[in-house]
Amino acid sequence: MEHIRCLIIGSGPAGYTAAIYASRANLNPVLYAGIQPGGQLTTTTDIENFPGYPEGINGTEMMDQLRKQAERFGADLRSGIVTGADLSKAPYRITIDGETELETDTLIIATGASAKYLGLEDEAKYAGMGVSACATCDGFFYRGKNVAVVGGGDTACEEALYLSSLAKQVYLIVRKNYLRASQVMQDRVMNTPNIKVLFEHNTLGLFGDNGVEGAHLVKRKGEPDEEKVDIAIDGFFLAIGHKPNSDVFKKYLETDEVGYIKTVAGTPKTNIPGVYAAGDVADPIYRQAVTAAGSGCKAAIEAERYLSEHGL
């Protein structure tokens, strides 16, 4: 069985940054790319809010640069998905693709969180062309335009309020006849002039020639009456939640009710010594590339300290 000093799972900003720092610290890290090599940013077109890129950069290109930087310092980057984990004792055992077994002294989990989608074919069709799951990431591109946000909870309201400061008109598409958000968030949404809440509306699909130009909706008017409605929009934002990719580790690690891995405040430390969580898998609040990269840095530094303290 292969023995590794520092194993990193995930290849987004958190994973690659951890690999860069771990390599420079001579930890000989091995990184497995995971479900989506490069992470969620590979589904984004232009990134304009990551420091160091004044003209912006394509998401896939930025992840490629991070990968090359990690390789430059000697990180061993591999393809594969974690399918099993035994964190009951050190060294920890990890199974890759259901067949390859490894043992590692330290483990950095940077598996990210997957945005939830409605399941419409048009969401994939217009990915990067008007469909987004992050208003903070992509809202800037819709200054003075019309956008829609799907969801009725606090996250959806927060996204709608953020977009209202940029967009001309924001539609909040709510499946039920009420908002699930806190009363404070509801009041803010209702008192924002350019937010229009569409209660009891469901999205049937999107349309547009070179990107999203509108959405086909259906309004429930009482069983069995329904009314089909089209709205003209340039951006379609999903705000119905994220699913942290933590299932394989949940038997051993403390998580919240959604599945985000709990860490010691201000650190990437989990409840198991030598095991760290970085990036979106442990971040239900910010979910930004720059915060993920910062947590990856912290995780690698903590791994180096752990190995040094334990003579590994």
C-alpha atoms as a PDB file:
ATOM      1  CA  MET A   1       0.000   0.000   0.000  1.00  0.00           C
ATOM      2  CA  GLU A   2       1.357   3.416  -0.975  1.00  0.00           C
ATOM      3  CA  HIS A   3       2.155   5.660   1.983  1.00  0.00           C
ATOM      4  CA  ILE A   4       1.764   9.427   1.553  1.00  0.00           C
ATOM      5  CA  ARG A   5       2.745  12.218   3.918  1.00  0.00           C
ATOM      6  CA  CYS A   6       0.173  14.722   2.675  1.00  0.00           C
ATOM      7  CA  LEU A   7      -2.832  13.718   0.581  1.00  0.00           C
ATOM      8  CA  ILE A   8      -5.037  16.399  -0.973  1.00  0.00           C
ATOM      9  CA  ILE A   9      -8.480  15.589  -2.335  1.00  0.00           C
ATOM     10  CA  GLY A  10      -9.882  18.129  -4.785  1.00  0.00           C
ATOM     11  CA  SER A  11      -8.462  20.405  -7.438  1.00  0.00           C
ATOM     12  CA  GLY A  12     -10.200  23.751  -7.140  1.00  0.00           C
ATOM     13  CA  PRO A  13      -8.530  26.884  -5.721  1.00  0.00           C
ATOM     14  CA  ALA A  14      -8.324  25.293  -2.267  1.00  0.00           C
ATOM     15  CA  GLY A  15      -6.780  22.024  -3.435  1.00  0.00           C
ATOM     16  CA  TYR A  16      -4.267  23.547  -5.821  1.00  0.00           C
ATOM     17  CA  THR A  17      -3.216  26.230  -3.318  1.00  0.00           C
ATOM     18  CA  ALA A  18      -2.729  23.554  -0.671  1.00  0.00           C
ATOM     19  CA  ALA A  19      -0.594  21.599  -3.169  1.00  0.00           C
ATOM     20  CA  ILE A  20       1.543  24.667  -3.913  1.00  0.00           C
ATOM     21  CA  TYR A  21       2.226  25.364  -0.230  1.00  0.00           C
ATOM     22  CA  ALA A  22       2.704  21.703   0.689  1.00  0.00           C
ATOM     23  CA  SER A  23       5.157  21.206  -2.177  1.00  0.00           C
ATOM     24  CA  ARG A  24       7.223  24.224  -1.184  1.00  0.00           C
ATOM     25  CA  ALA A  25       7.337  22.838   2.352  1.00  0.00           C
ATOM     26  CA  ASN A  26       8.754  19.544   1.020  1.00  0.00           C
ATOM     27  CA  LEU A  27       5.738  17.512   2.088  1.00  0.00           C
ATOM     28  CA  ASN A  28       5.700  15.603  -1.230  1.00  0.00           C
ATOM     29  CA  PRO A  29       1.931  16.063  -1.569  1.00  0.00           C
ATOM     30  CA  VAL A  30      -0.248  13.868  -3.750  1.00  0.00           C
ATOM     31  CA  LEU A  31      -3.410  15.487  -5.115  1.00  0.00           C
ATOM     32  CA  TYR A  32      -6.366  13.640  -6.581  1.00  0.00           C
ATOM     33  CA  ALA A  33      -8.416  15.878  -8.864  1.00  0.00           C
ATOM     34  CA  GLY A  34     -11.791  14.557  -7.752  1.00  0.00           C
ATOM     35  CA  ILE A  35     -15.211  14.732  -9.381  1.00  0.00           C
ATOM     36  CA  GLN A  36     -14.619  17.948 -11.321  1.00  0.00           C
ATOM     37  CA  PRO A  37     -10.942  18.623 -12.136  1.00  0.00           C
ATOM     38  CA  GLY A  38     -10.362  22.324 -11.597  1.00  0.00           C
ATOM     39  CA  GLY A  39     -13.499  22.699  -9.511  1.00  0.00           C
ATOM     40  CA  GLN A  40     -16.585  24.817 -10.147  1.00  0.00           C
ATOM     41  CA  LEU A  41     -14.563  27.640 -11.681  1.00  0.00           C
ATOM     42  CA  THR A  42     -14.090  25.556 -14.820  1.00  0.00           C
ATOM     43  CA  THR A  43     -17.798  26.126 -15.503  1.00  0.00           C
ATOM     44  CA  THR A  44     -17.372  29.905 -15.231  1.00  0.00           C
ATOM     45  CA  THR A  45     -16.418  32.088 -18.160  1.00  0.00           C
ATOM     46  CA  ASP A  46     -14.681  35.253 -16.937  1.00  0.00           C
ATOM     47  CA  ILE A  47     -13.440  35.787 -13.386  1.00  0.00           C
ATOM     48  CA  GLU A  48     -12.916  39.436 -12.537  1.00  0.00           C
ATOM     49  CA  ASN A  49     -12.765  39.433  -8.733  1.00  0.00           C
ATOM     50  CA  PHE A  50      -9.706  37.269  -8.099  1.00  0.00           C
ATOM     51  CA  PRO A  51      -6.720  39.454  -7.094  1.00  0.00           C
ATOM     52  CA  GLY A  52      -3.901  39.706  -9.611  1.00  0.00           C
ATOM     53  CA  TYR A  53      -5.956  39.640 -12.799  1.00  0.00           C
ATOM     54  CA  PRO A  54      -6.821  43.271 -13.609  1.00  0.00           C
ATOM     55  CA  GLU A  55      -8.292  42.320 -16.971  1.00  0.00           C
ATOM     56  CA  GLY A  56     -10.055  39.228 -15.659  1.00  0.00           C
ATOM     57  CA  ILE A  57      -9.351  35.642 -16.652  1.00  0.00           C
ATOM     58  CA  ASN A  58     -11.239  32.638 -17.935  1.00  0.00           C
ATOM     59  CA  GLY A  59     -12.057  30.170 -15.140  1.00  0.00           C
ATOM     60  CA  THR A  60     -10.550  27.158 -16.885  1.00  0.00           C
ATOM     61  CA  GLU A  61      -7.414  29.127 -17.723  1.00  0.00           C
ATOM     62  CA  MET A  62      -6.954  30.242 -14.121  1.00  0.00           C
ATOM     63  CA  MET A  63      -7.299  26.697 -12.824  1.00  0.00           C
ATOM     64  CA  ASP A  64      -4.809  25.526 -15.442  1.00  0.00           C
ATOM     65  CA  GLN A  65      -2.327  28.116 -14.206  1.00  0.00           C
ATOM     66  CA  LEU A  66      -2.798  26.997 -10.600  1.00  0.00           C
ATOM     67  CA  ARG A  67      -2.304  23.381 -11.668  1.00  0.00           C
ATOM     68  CA  LYS A  68       0.926  24.225 -13.492  1.00  0.00           C
ATOM     69  CA  GLN A  69       2.167  26.183 -10.486  1.00  0.00           C
ATOM     70  CA  ALA A  70       1.558  23.201  -8.209  1.00  0.00           C
ATOM     71  CA  GLU A  71       3.344  20.915 -10.685  1.00  0.00           C
ATOM     72  CA  ARG A  72       6.273  23.306 -10.898  1.00  0.00           C
ATOM     73  CA  PHE A  73       7.006  22.805  -7.207  1.00  0.00           C
ATOM     74  CA  GLY A  74       6.718  19.030  -7.431  1.00  0.00           C
ATOM     75  CA  ALA A  75       3.148  18.179  -6.467  1.00  0.00           C
ATOM     76  CA  ASP A  76       2.064  14.744  -7.712  1.00  0.00           C
ATOM     77  CA  LEU A  77      -1.261  15.439  -9.448  1.00  0.00           C
ATOM     78  CA  ARG A  78      -3.462  12.477 -10.296  1.00  0.00           C
ATOM     79  CA  SER A  79      -6.918  11.726 -11.650  1.00  0.00           C
ATOM     80  CA  GLY A  80      -9.337   9.908  -9.400  1.00  0.00           C
ATOM     81  CA  ILE A  81     -12.306  10.135  -7.060  1.00  0.00           C
ATOM     82  CA  VAL A  82     -12.390   9.201  -3.384  1.00  0.00           C
ATOM     83  CA  THR A  83     -14.842   6.345  -2.896  1.00  0.00           C
ATOM     84  CA  GLY A  84     -13.916   5.259   0.623  1.00  0.00           C
ATOM     85  CA  ALA A  85     -12.260   6.566   3.763  1.00  0.00           C
ATOM     86  CA  ASP A  86     -11.199   5.146   7.106  1.00  0.00           C
ATOM     87  CA  LEU A  87     -10.272   7.973   9.458  1.00  0.00           C
ATOM     88  CA  SER A  88     -10.564   5.896  12.631  1.00  0.00           C
ATOM     89  CA  LYS A  89      -6.827   6.004  13.241  1.00  0.00           C
ATOM     90  CA  ALA A  90      -3.621   7.377  11.774  1.00  0.00           C
ATOM     91  CA  PRO A  91      -2.269   6.804   9.225  1.00  0.00           C
ATOM     92  CA  TYR A  92      -5.617   7.339   7.531  1.00  0.00           C
ATOM     93  CA  ARG A  93      -6.770   5.059   4.727  1.00  0.00           C
ATOM     94  CA  ILE A  94      -8.326   6.378   1.540  1.00  0.00           C
ATOM     95  CA  THR A  95      -9.758   4.422  -1.385  1.00  0.00           C
ATOM     96  CA  ILE A  96      -9.612   5.903  -4.879  1.00  0.00           C
ATOM     97  CA  ASP A  97     -12.005   4.809  -7.654  1.00  0.00           C
ATOM     98  CA  GLY A  98     -13.091   1.817  -5.614  1.00  0.00           C
ATOM     99  CA  GLU A  99      -9.801  -0.016  -6.018  1.00  0.00           C
ATOM    100  CA  THR A 100      -6.636   1.928  -5.169  1.00  0.00           C
ATOM    101  CA  GLU A 101      -5.908   2.033  -1.436  1.00  0.00           C
ATOM    102  CA  LEU A 102      -3.589   4.598   0.109  1.00  0.00           C
ATOM    103  CA  GLU A 103      -2.548   5.567   3.581  1.00  0.00           C
ATOM    104  CA  THR A 104      -1.674   9.109   4.542  1.00  0.00           C
ATOM    105  CA  ASP A 105      -0.300  10.912   7.581  1.00  0.00           C
ATOM    106  CA  THR A 106      -2.254  14.083   6.829  1.00  0.00           C
ATOM    107  CA  LEU A 107      -5.368  14.638   4.735  1.00  0.00           C
ATOM    108  CA  ILE A 108      -6.605  17.879   3.193  1.00  0.00           C
ATOM    109  CA  ILE A 109     -10.221  17.648   2.021  1.00  0.00           C
ATOM    110  CA  ALA A 110     -10.967  20.227  -0.678  1.00  0.00           C
ATOM    111  CA  THR A 111     -13.825  18.473  -2.440  1.00  0.00           C
ATOM    112  CA  GLY A 112     -16.000  21.584  -2.781  1.00  0.00           C
ATOM    113  CA  ALA A 113     -19.774  21.943  -2.821  1.00  0.00           C
ATOM    114  CA  SER A 114     -21.991  21.424  -5.836  1.00  0.00           C
ATOM    115  CA  ALA A 115     -24.691  23.970  -6.594  1.00  0.00           C
ATOM    116  CA  LYS A 116     -28.186  22.554  -6.824  1.00  0.00           C
ATOM    117  CA  TYR A 117     -29.975  23.032 -10.130  1.00  0.00           C
ATOM    118  CA  LEU A 118     -33.570  22.644 -11.227  1.00  0.00           C
ATOM    119  CA  GLY A 119     -32.647  19.869 -13.629  1.00  0.00           C
ATOM    120  CA  LEU A 120     -33.652  21.686 -16.800  1.00  0.00           C
ATOM    121  CA  GLU A 121     -31.799  20.875 -20.010  1.00  0.00           C
ATOM    122  CA  ASP A 122     -31.502  24.618 -20.636  1.00  0.00           C
ATOM    123  CA  GLU A 123     -29.395  25.059 -17.511  1.00  0.00           C
ATOM    124  CA  ALA A 124     -26.628  23.043 -19.142  1.00  0.00           C
ATOM    125  CA  LYS A 125     -27.268  24.590 -22.547  1.00  0.00           C
ATOM    126  CA  TYR A 126     -26.756  28.129 -21.238  1.00  0.00           C
ATOM    127  CA  ALA A 127     -24.046  27.376 -18.668  1.00  0.00           C
ATOM    128  CA  GLY A 128     -21.655  30.311 -18.787  1.00  0.00           C
ATOM    129  CA  MET A 129     -24.060  32.073 -21.155  1.00  0.00           C
ATOM    130  CA  GLY A 130     -26.501  33.517 -18.663  1.00  0.00           C
ATOM    131  CA  VAL A 131     -26.939  30.730 -16.128  1.00  0.00           C
ATOM    132  CA  SER A 132     -25.072  31.097 -12.847  1.00  0.00           C
ATOM    133  CA  ALA A 133     -25.197  29.813  -9.281  1.00  0.00           C
ATOM    134  CA  CYS A 134     -23.212  32.702  -7.809  1.00  0.00           C
ATOM    135  CA  ALA A 135     -24.436  36.296  -7.897  1.00  0.00           C
ATOM    136  CA  THR A 136     -21.305  37.575  -6.168  1.00  0.00           C
ATOM    137  CA  CYS A 137     -19.166  35.928  -8.846  1.00  0.00           C
ATOM    138  CA  ASP A 138     -21.142  36.912 -11.929  1.00  0.00           C
ATOM    139  CA  GLY A 139     -23.468  39.756 -10.979  1.00  0.00           C
ATOM    140  CA  PHE A 140     -21.138  42.429 -12.333  1.00  0.00           C
ATOM    141  CA  PHE A 141     -21.743  41.207 -15.884  1.00  0.00           C
ATOM    142  CA  TYR A 142     -25.418  42.145 -15.581  1.00  0.00           C
ATOM    143  CA  ARG A 143     -25.146  45.807 -14.691  1.00  0.00           C
ATOM    144  CA  GLY A 144     -28.220  47.621 -15.968  1.00  0.00           C
ATOM    145  CA  LYS A 145     -29.804  44.390 -17.237  1.00  0.00           C
ATOM    146  CA  ASN A 146     -32.738  42.216 -16.208  1.00  0.00           C
ATOM    147  CA  VAL A 147     -32.091  39.062 -14.199  1.00  0.00           C
ATOM    148  CA  ALA A 148     -34.006  36.368 -12.343  1.00  0.00           C
ATOM    149  CA  VAL A 149     -33.174  34.535  -9.125  1.00  0.00           C
ATOM    150  CA  VAL A 150     -34.761  31.173  -8.296  1.00  0.00           C
ATOM    151  CA  GLY A 151     -35.401  30.376  -4.656  1.00  0.00           C
ATOM    152  CA  GLY A 152     -37.316  31.506  -1.598  1.00  0.00           C
ATOM    153  CA  GLY A 153     -34.878  31.213   1.284  1.00  0.00           C
ATOM    154  CA  ASP A 154     -32.323  33.547   2.839  1.00  0.00           C
ATOM    155  CA  THR A 155     -29.719  32.763   0.168  1.00  0.00           C
ATOM    156  CA  ALA A 156     -32.113  33.626  -2.646  1.00  0.00           C
ATOM    157  CA  CYS A 157     -33.097  36.864  -0.958  1.00  0.00           C
ATOM    158  CA  GLU A 158     -29.456  37.769  -0.372  1.00  0.00           C
ATOM    159  CA  GLU A 159     -28.651  37.075  -4.013  1.00  0.00           C
ATOM    160  CA  ALA A 160     -31.634  39.156  -5.175  1.00  0.00           C
ATOM    161  CA  LEU A 161     -30.658  42.063  -2.934  1.00  0.00           C
ATOM    162  CA  TYR A 162     -27.059  41.931  -4.138  1.00  0.00           C
ATOM    163  CA  LEU A 163     -28.156  41.893  -7.761  1.00  0.00           C
ATOM    164  CA  SER A 164     -30.625  44.718  -7.184  1.00  0.00           C
ATOM    165  CA  SER A 165     -27.687  47.092  -6.696  1.00  0.00           C
ATOM    166  CA  LEU A 166     -26.364  46.151 -10.136  1.00  0.00           C
ATOM    167  CA  ALA A 167     -29.244  45.083 -12.338  1.00  0.00           C
ATOM    168  CA  LYS A 168     -32.116  47.144 -13.710  1.00  0.00           C
ATOM    169  CA  GLN A 169     -34.776  44.599 -12.726  1.00  0.00           C
ATOM    170  CA  VAL A 170     -34.583  41.504 -10.544  1.00  0.00           C
ATOM    171  CA  TYR A 171     -37.276  38.839 -10.624  1.00  0.00           C
ATOM    172  CA  LEU A 172     -37.371  36.484  -7.633  1.00  0.00           C
ATOM    173  CA  ILE A 173     -39.032  33.261  -8.797  1.00  0.00           C
ATOM    174  CA  VAL A 174     -40.633  31.505  -5.822  1.00  0.00           C
ATOM    175  CA  ARG A 175     -42.318  28.134  -6.150  1.00  0.00           C
ATOM    176  CA  LYS A 176     -44.564  28.584  -3.124  1.00  0.00           C
ATOM    177  CA  ASN A 177     -46.884  31.427  -2.143  1.00  0.00           C
ATOM    178  CA  TYR A 178     -44.535  32.632   0.586  1.00  0.00           C
ATOM    179  CA  LEU A 179     -40.844  33.220   1.258  1.00  0.00           C
ATOM    180  CA  ARG A 180     -38.973  30.865   3.571  1.00  0.00           C
ATOM    181  CA  ALA A 181     -36.395  33.543   4.382  1.00  0.00           C
ATOM    182  CA  SER A 182     -36.096  35.283   7.738  1.00  0.00           C
ATOM    183  CA  GLN A 183     -38.493  38.172   8.290  1.00  0.00           C
ATOM    184  CA  VAL A 184     -35.673  40.692   8.066  1.00  0.00           C
ATOM    185  CA  MET A 185     -34.658  39.398   4.636  1.00  0.00           C
ATOM    186  CA  GLN A 186     -38.271  39.287   3.478  1.00  0.00           C
ATOM    187  CA  ASP A 187     -38.791  42.911   4.480  1.00  0.00           C
ATOM    188  CA  ARG A 188     -35.663  44.010   2.648  1.00  0.00           C
ATOM    189  CA  VAL A 189     -36.708  42.232  -0.534  1.00  0.00           C
ATOM    190  CA  MET A 190     -40.257  43.559  -0.441  1.00  0.00           C
ATOM    191  CA  ASN A 191     -39.017  47.111   0.137  1.00  0.00           C
ATOM    192  CA  THR A 192     -36.522  47.073  -2.734  1.00  0.00           C
ATOM    193  CA  PRO A 193     -38.174  48.818  -5.715  1.00  0.00           C
ATOM    194  CA  ASN A 194     -36.461  46.878  -8.504  1.00  0.00           C
ATOM    195  CA  ILE A 195     -37.117  43.410  -7.048  1.00  0.00           C
ATOM    196  CA  LYS A 196     -40.350  41.784  -8.177  1.00  0.00           C
ATOM    197  CA  VAL A 197     -41.332  38.599  -6.379  1.00  0.00           C
ATOM    198  CA  LEU A 198     -43.145  36.077  -8.566  1.00  0.00           C
ATOM    199  CA  PHE A 199     -44.935  33.818  -6.099  1.00  0.00           C
ATOM    200  CA  GLU A 200     -46.242  30.411  -7.187  1.00  0.00           C
ATOM    201  CA  HIS A 201     -44.126  30.423 -10.334  1.00  0.00           C
ATOM    202  CA  ASN A 202     -42.037  27.566 -11.678  1.00  0.00           C
ATOM    203  CA  THR A 203     -39.449  27.714 -14.445  1.00  0.00           C
ATOM    204  CA  LEU A 204     -40.197  25.554 -17.473  1.00  0.00           C
ATOM    205  CA  GLY A 205     -37.173  26.542 -19.545  1.00  0.00           C
ATOM    206  CA  LEU A 206     -34.958  29.290 -20.908  1.00  0.00           C
ATOM    207  CA  PHE A 207     -34.656  30.758 -24.379  1.00  0.00           C
ATOM    208  CA  GLY A 208     -32.237  32.865 -26.403  1.00  0.00           C
ATOM    209  CA  ASP A 209     -30.031  32.628 -29.482  1.00  0.00           C
ATOM    210  CA  ASN A 210     -26.582  33.587 -28.152  1.00  0.00           C
ATOM    211  CA  GLY A 211     -27.266  33.308 -24.470  1.00  0.00           C
ATOM    212  CA  VAL A 212     -30.193  33.675 -22.115  1.00  0.00           C
ATOM    213  CA  GLU A 213     -32.766  36.168 -23.375  1.00  0.00           C
ATOM    214  CA  GLY A 214     -35.733  35.030 -21.322  1.00  0.00           C
ATOM    215  CA  ALA A 215     -37.429  32.375 -19.232  1.00  0.00           C
ATOM    216  CA  HIS A 216     -40.601  30.371 -19.739  1.00  0.00           C
ATOM    217  CA  LEU A 217     -42.537  30.280 -16.468  1.00  0.00           C
ATOM    218  CA  VAL A 218     -45.792  28.754 -15.347  1.00  0.00           C
ATOM    219  CA  LYS A 219     -47.953  30.379 -12.692  1.00  0.00           C
ATOM    220  CA  ARG A 220     -50.195  28.249 -10.543  1.00  0.00           C
ATOM    221  CA  LYS A 221     -53.634  29.825 -10.234  1.00  0.00           C
ATOM    222  CA  GLY A 222     -55.229  27.033  -8.279  1.00  0.00           C
ATOM    223  CA  GLU A 223     -55.689  23.425  -9.336  1.00  0.00           C
ATOM    224  CA  PRO A 224     -55.844  22.654 -12.159  1.00  0.00           C
ATOM    225  CA  ASP A 225     -55.491  26.178 -13.589  1.00  0.00           C
ATOM    226  CA  GLU A 226     -52.063  27.321 -14.724  1.00  0.00           C
ATOM    227  CA  GLU A 227     -50.907  30.286 -16.729  1.00  0.00           C
ATOM    228  CA  LYS A 228     -47.767  30.300 -18.852  1.00  0.00           C
ATOM    229  CA  VAL A 229     -45.703  33.461 -18.633  1.00  0.00           C
ATOM    230  CA  ASP A 230     -42.511  34.583 -20.369  1.00  0.00           C
ATOM    231  CA  ILE A 231     -40.139  37.117 -18.831  1.00  0.00           C
ATOM    232  CA  ALA A 232     -37.284  38.878 -20.623  1.00  0.00           C
ATOM    233  CA  ILE A 233     -34.016  38.388 -18.731  1.00  0.00           C
ATOM    234  CA  ASP A 234     -30.296  38.356 -19.469  1.00  0.00           C
ATOM    235  CA  GLY A 235     -29.216  36.326 -16.448  1.00  0.00           C
ATOM    236  CA  PHE A 236     -30.705  33.358 -14.591  1.00  0.00           C
ATOM    237  CA  PHE A 237     -29.349  32.726 -11.084  1.00  0.00           C
ATOM    238  CA  LEU A 238     -29.916  29.545  -9.078  1.00  0.00           C
ATOM    239  CA  ALA A 239     -30.150  30.060  -5.324  1.00  0.00           C
ATOM    240  CA  ILE A 240     -31.718  26.828  -4.131  1.00  0.00           C
ATOM    241  CA  GLY A 241     -28.721  25.635  -2.163  1.00  0.00           C
ATOM    242  CA  HIS A 242     -25.436  23.759  -2.416  1.00  0.00           C
ATOM    243  CA  LYS A 243     -24.526  20.189  -1.540  1.00  0.00           C
ATOM    244  CA  PRO A 244     -21.106  19.824   0.087  1.00  0.00           C
ATOM    245  CA  ASN A 245     -19.164  16.883  -1.337  1.00  0.00           C
ATOM    246  CA  SER A 246     -18.506  15.404   2.084  1.00  0.00           C
ATOM    247  CA  ASP A 247     -20.560  12.203   2.152  1.00  0.00           C
ATOM    248  CA  VAL A 248     -17.613   9.812   2.059  1.00  0.00           C
ATOM    249  CA  PHE A 249     -16.125  11.443   5.192  1.00  0.00           C
ATOM    250  CA  LYS A 250     -19.277  12.058   7.245  1.00  0.00           C
ATOM    251  CA  LYS A 251     -18.926   8.861   9.282  1.00  0.00           C
ATOM    252  CA  TYR A 252     -15.851  10.355  10.930  1.00  0.00           C
ATOM    253  CA  LEU A 253     -16.037  14.131  10.590  1.00  0.00           C
ATOM    254  CA  GLU A 254     -18.424  16.528  12.261  1.00  0.00           C
ATOM    255  CA  THR A 255     -20.677  18.302   9.768  1.00  0.00           C
ATOM    256  CA  ASP A 256     -23.605  20.664  10.000  1.00  0.00           C
ATOM    257  CA  GLU A 257     -27.136  19.643   9.033  1.00  0.00           C
ATOM    258  CA  VAL A 258     -26.459  20.361   5.353  1.00  0.00           C
ATOM    259  CA  GLY A 259     -23.167  18.466   5.240  1.00  0.00           C
ATOM    260  CA  TYR A 260     -20.557  21.225   5.464  1.00  0.00           C
ATOM    261  CA  ILE A 261     -17.538  19.964   7.401  1.00  0.00           C
ATOM    262  CA  LYS A 262     -17.156  21.758  10.715  1.00  0.00           C
ATOM    263  CA  THR A 263     -13.739  23.271  11.470  1.00  0.00           C
ATOM    264  CA  VAL A 264     -12.212  24.993  14.463  1.00  0.00           C
ATOM    265  CA  ALA A 265     -13.000  28.707  14.118  1.00  0.00           C
ATOM    266  CA  GLY A 266     -10.388  30.508  12.024  1.00  0.00           C
ATOM    267  CA  THR A 267      -8.596  27.279  11.078  1.00  0.00           C
ATOM    268  CA  PRO A 268      -9.061  24.349   8.668  1.00  0.00           C
ATOM    269  CA  LYS A 269      -8.773  21.847  11.559  1.00  0.00           C
ATOM    270  CA  THR A 270     -11.490  19.205  11.807  1.00  0.00           C
ATOM    271  CA  ASN A 271     -12.351  17.050  14.821  1.00  0.00           C
ATOM    272  CA  ILE A 272      -9.667  14.557  13.735  1.00  0.00           C
ATOM    273  CA  PRO A 273      -5.973  15.491  14.190  1.00  0.00           C
ATOM    274  CA  GLY A 274      -4.109  15.741  10.903  1.00  0.00           C
ATOM    275  CA  VAL A 275      -7.296  16.009   8.848  1.00  0.00           C
ATOM    276  CA  TYR A 276      -8.170  19.417   7.419  1.00  0.00           C
ATOM    277  CA  ALA A 277     -11.040  20.813   5.368  1.00  0.00           C
ATOM    278  CA  ALA A 278     -10.519  23.677   2.936  1.00  0.00           C
ATOM    279  CA  GLY A 279     -12.658  25.561   0.459  1.00  0.00           C
ATOM    280  CA  ASP A 280     -16.376  25.266  -0.168  1.00  0.00           C
ATOM    281  CA  VAL A 281     -16.767  21.863   1.496  1.00  0.00           C
ATOM    282  CA  ALA A 282     -16.318  23.706   4.798  1.00  0.00           C
ATOM    283  CA  ASP A 283     -17.650  27.146   3.846  1.00  0.00           C
ATOM    284  CA  PRO A 284     -21.425  27.673   3.780  1.00  0.00           C
ATOM    285  CA  ILE A 285     -21.049  31.461   3.899  1.00  0.00           C
ATOM    286  CA  TYR A 286     -18.572  32.926   1.403  1.00  0.00           C
ATOM    287  CA  ARG A 287     -17.945  30.272  -1.266  1.00  0.00           C
ATOM    288  CA  GLN A 288     -15.461  32.414  -3.186  1.00  0.00           C
ATOM    289  CA  ALA A 289     -12.319  31.385  -5.049  1.00  0.00           C
ATOM    290  CA  VAL A 290     -10.116  33.729  -3.039  1.00  0.00           C
ATOM    291  CA  THR A 291     -11.407  32.497   0.333  1.00  0.00           C
ATOM    292  CA  ALA A 292     -11.025  28.905  -0.832  1.00  0.00           C
ATOM    293  CA  ALA A 293      -7.426  29.566  -1.853  1.00  0.00           C
ATOM    294  CA  GLY A 294      -6.719  31.151   1.532  1.00  0.00           C
ATOM    295  CA  SER A 295      -8.099  28.146   3.386  1.00  0.00           C
ATOM    296  CA  GLY A 296      -6.011  25.831   1.211  1.00  0.00           C
ATOM    297  CA  CYS A 297      -2.938  27.761   2.269  1.00  0.00           C
ATOM    298  CA  LYS A 298      -3.927  27.407   5.935  1.00  0.00           C
ATOM    299  CA  ALA A 299      -4.522  23.669   5.534  1.00  0.00           C
ATOM    300  CA  ALA A 300      -1.065  23.066   4.045  1.00  0.00           C
ATOM    301  CA  ILE A 301       0.617  25.085   6.797  1.00  0.00           C
ATOM    302  CA  GLU A 302      -1.278  23.139   9.457  1.00  0.00           C
ATOM    303  CA  ALA A 303      -0.346  19.842   7.790  1.00  0.00           C
ATOM    304  CA  GLU A 304       3.342  20.843   7.797  1.00  0.00           C
ATOM    305  CA  ARG A 305       3.153  21.712  11.501  1.00  0.00           C
ATOM    306  CA  TYR A 306       1.413  18.449  12.320  1.00  0.00           C
ATOM    307  CA  LEU A 307       3.972  16.357  10.475  1.00  0.00           C
ATOM    308  CA  SER A 308       6.829  18.236  12.149  1.00  0.00           C
ATOM    309  CA  GLU A 309       5.350  17.901  15.623  1.00  0.00           C
ATOM    310  CA  HIS A 310       4.826  14.165  15.148  1.00  0.00           C
ATOM    311  CA  GLY A 311       8.222  13.504  13.599  1.00  0.00           C
ATOM    312  CA  LEU A 312       6.704  12.456  10.289  1.00  0.00           C
END
